[in-house]
């Protein structure tokens, strides 16, 4: 891919993430492109409590956060 096009794509995706908007890309894919994400520290119990308070399945919660359902599962089990 042309370097200018690749940089423009990365910059636009970074702007989308910075604005708090969701994309169809997973966080893993965005990171491969070079998009940076803020580090947010939460305990596994806090993550699970937050998800349950919203009455969402792990899958739907993951979609809202733009991550995989397995990531949510690992977070809730304290594995990541």
C-alpha atoms as a PDB file:
ATOM      1  CA  UNK A   1       0.000   0.000   0.000  1.00  0.00           C
ATOM      2  CA  UNK A   2       1.216   3.494  -0.769  1.00  0.00           C
ATOM      3  CA  UNK A   3       2.885   4.971   2.355  1.00  0.00           C
ATOM      4  CA  UNK A   4       0.863   8.202   2.126  1.00  0.00           C
ATOM      5  CA  UNK A   5      -2.393   6.279   1.866  1.00  0.00           C
ATOM      6  CA  UNK A   6      -1.408   3.987   4.737  1.00  0.00           C
ATOM      7  CA  UNK A   7      -0.540   6.973   6.962  1.00  0.00           C
ATOM      8  CA  UNK A   8      -3.792   8.733   6.060  1.00  0.00           C
ATOM      9  CA  UNK A   9      -5.781   5.602   6.899  1.00  0.00           C
ATOM     10  CA  UNK A  10      -3.996   5.200  10.246  1.00  0.00           C
ATOM     11  CA  UNK A  11      -4.487   8.889  11.084  1.00  0.00           C
ATOM     12  CA  UNK A  12      -8.201   8.759  10.253  1.00  0.00           C
ATOM     13  CA  UNK A  13      -8.712   5.606  12.287  1.00  0.00           C
ATOM     14  CA  UNK A  14      -6.813   7.189  15.188  1.00  0.00           C
ATOM     15  CA  UNK A  15      -9.170  10.182  15.010  1.00  0.00           C
ATOM     16  CA  UNK A  16     -12.169   7.832  15.108  1.00  0.00           C
ATOM     17  CA  UNK A  17     -10.817   6.028  18.177  1.00  0.00           C
ATOM     18  CA  UNK A  18      -9.867   9.301  19.894  1.00  0.00           C
ATOM     19  CA  UNK A  19     -13.413  10.586  19.339  1.00  0.00           C
ATOM     20  CA  UNK A  20     -14.806   7.496  21.075  1.00  0.00           C
ATOM     21  CA  UNK A  21     -16.554   6.199  17.970  1.00  0.00           C
ATOM     22  CA  UNK A  22     -16.848   2.509  17.154  1.00  0.00           C
ATOM     23  CA  UNK A  23     -15.589   0.877  13.994  1.00  0.00           C
ATOM     24  CA  UNK A  24     -16.067  -2.598  12.591  1.00  0.00           C
ATOM     25  CA  UNK A  25     -12.360  -3.229  13.201  1.00  0.00           C
ATOM     26  CA  UNK A  26     -11.282  -5.005  16.362  1.00  0.00           C
ATOM     27  CA  UNK A  27      -8.785  -3.345  18.668  1.00  0.00           C
ATOM     28  CA  UNK A  28      -6.267  -6.014  17.667  1.00  0.00           C
ATOM     29  CA  UNK A  29      -6.572  -5.071  13.972  1.00  0.00           C
ATOM     30  CA  UNK A  30      -6.381  -1.360  14.742  1.00  0.00           C
ATOM     31  CA  UNK A  31      -3.222  -1.882  16.802  1.00  0.00           C
ATOM     32  CA  UNK A  32      -1.635  -3.721  13.867  1.00  0.00           C
ATOM     33  CA  UNK A  33      -2.281  -0.613  11.759  1.00  0.00           C
ATOM     34  CA  UNK A  34      -0.611   1.501  14.439  1.00  0.00           C
ATOM     35  CA  UNK A  35      -3.616   3.010  16.202  1.00  0.00           C
ATOM     36  CA  UNK A  36      -2.908   3.745  19.885  1.00  0.00           C
ATOM     37  CA  UNK A  37      -5.371   3.171  22.716  1.00  0.00           C
ATOM     38  CA  UNK A  38      -5.376   4.647  26.209  1.00  0.00           C
ATOM     39  CA  UNK A  39      -4.605   2.196  29.002  1.00  0.00           C
ATOM     40  CA  UNK A  40      -7.531   1.808  31.375  1.00  0.00           C
ATOM     41  CA  UNK A  41      -6.977  -0.249  34.533  1.00  0.00           C
ATOM     42  CA  UNK A  42      -9.965  -2.092  36.000  1.00  0.00           C
ATOM     43  CA  UNK A  43     -10.165  -5.155  38.180  1.00  0.00           C
ATOM     44  CA  UNK A  44     -11.771  -8.299  36.784  1.00  0.00           C
ATOM     45  CA  UNK A  45     -14.605  -8.005  39.300  1.00  0.00           C
ATOM     46  CA  UNK A  46     -15.261  -4.377  38.291  1.00  0.00           C
ATOM     47  CA  UNK A  47     -15.434  -5.351  34.611  1.00  0.00           C
ATOM     48  CA  UNK A  48     -17.866  -8.169  35.327  1.00  0.00           C
ATOM     49  CA  UNK A  49     -19.952  -5.994  37.657  1.00  0.00           C
ATOM     50  CA  UNK A  50     -20.152  -3.238  35.026  1.00  0.00           C
ATOM     51  CA  UNK A  51     -21.208  -5.698  32.307  1.00  0.00           C
ATOM     52  CA  UNK A  52     -23.841  -7.340  34.491  1.00  0.00           C
ATOM     53  CA  UNK A  53     -25.199  -3.944  35.587  1.00  0.00           C
ATOM     54  CA  UNK A  54     -25.919  -3.201  31.933  1.00  0.00           C
ATOM     55  CA  UNK A  55     -27.600  -6.615  31.453  1.00  0.00           C
ATOM     56  CA  UNK A  56     -25.345  -7.405  28.500  1.00  0.00           C
ATOM     57  CA  UNK A  57     -23.891 -10.722  27.447  1.00  0.00           C
ATOM     58  CA  UNK A  58     -20.127 -10.943  27.086  1.00  0.00           C
ATOM     59  CA  UNK A  59     -20.615 -10.916  23.318  1.00  0.00           C
ATOM     60  CA  UNK A  60     -22.699  -7.718  23.244  1.00  0.00           C
ATOM     61  CA  UNK A  61     -20.462  -6.038  25.803  1.00  0.00           C
ATOM     62  CA  UNK A  62     -17.475  -6.890  23.605  1.00  0.00           C
ATOM     63  CA  UNK A  63     -19.168  -5.413  20.532  1.00  0.00           C
ATOM     64  CA  UNK A  64     -19.788  -2.144  22.360  1.00  0.00           C
ATOM     65  CA  UNK A  65     -16.126  -2.009  23.390  1.00  0.00           C
ATOM     66  CA  UNK A  66     -14.956  -3.057  19.924  1.00  0.00           C
ATOM     67  CA  UNK A  67     -13.065  -6.090  21.253  1.00  0.00           C
ATOM     68  CA  UNK A  68     -13.581  -9.839  20.967  1.00  0.00           C
ATOM     69  CA  UNK A  69     -15.874 -11.755  23.308  1.00  0.00           C
ATOM     70  CA  UNK A  70     -12.897 -13.877  24.333  1.00  0.00           C
ATOM     71  CA  UNK A  71     -11.138 -10.698  25.520  1.00  0.00           C
ATOM     72  CA  UNK A  72     -14.069  -9.889  27.802  1.00  0.00           C
ATOM     73  CA  UNK A  73     -14.043 -13.473  29.096  1.00  0.00           C
ATOM     74  CA  UNK A  74     -10.310 -13.256  29.852  1.00  0.00           C
ATOM     75  CA  UNK A  75     -10.700  -9.851  31.507  1.00  0.00           C
ATOM     76  CA  UNK A  76     -13.473 -11.136  33.747  1.00  0.00           C
ATOM     77  CA  UNK A  77     -11.342 -14.130  34.723  1.00  0.00           C
ATOM     78  CA  UNK A  78      -8.378 -11.887  35.517  1.00  0.00           C
ATOM     79  CA  UNK A  79      -6.245 -13.393  32.768  1.00  0.00           C
ATOM     80  CA  UNK A  80      -5.349 -10.165  30.990  1.00  0.00           C
END
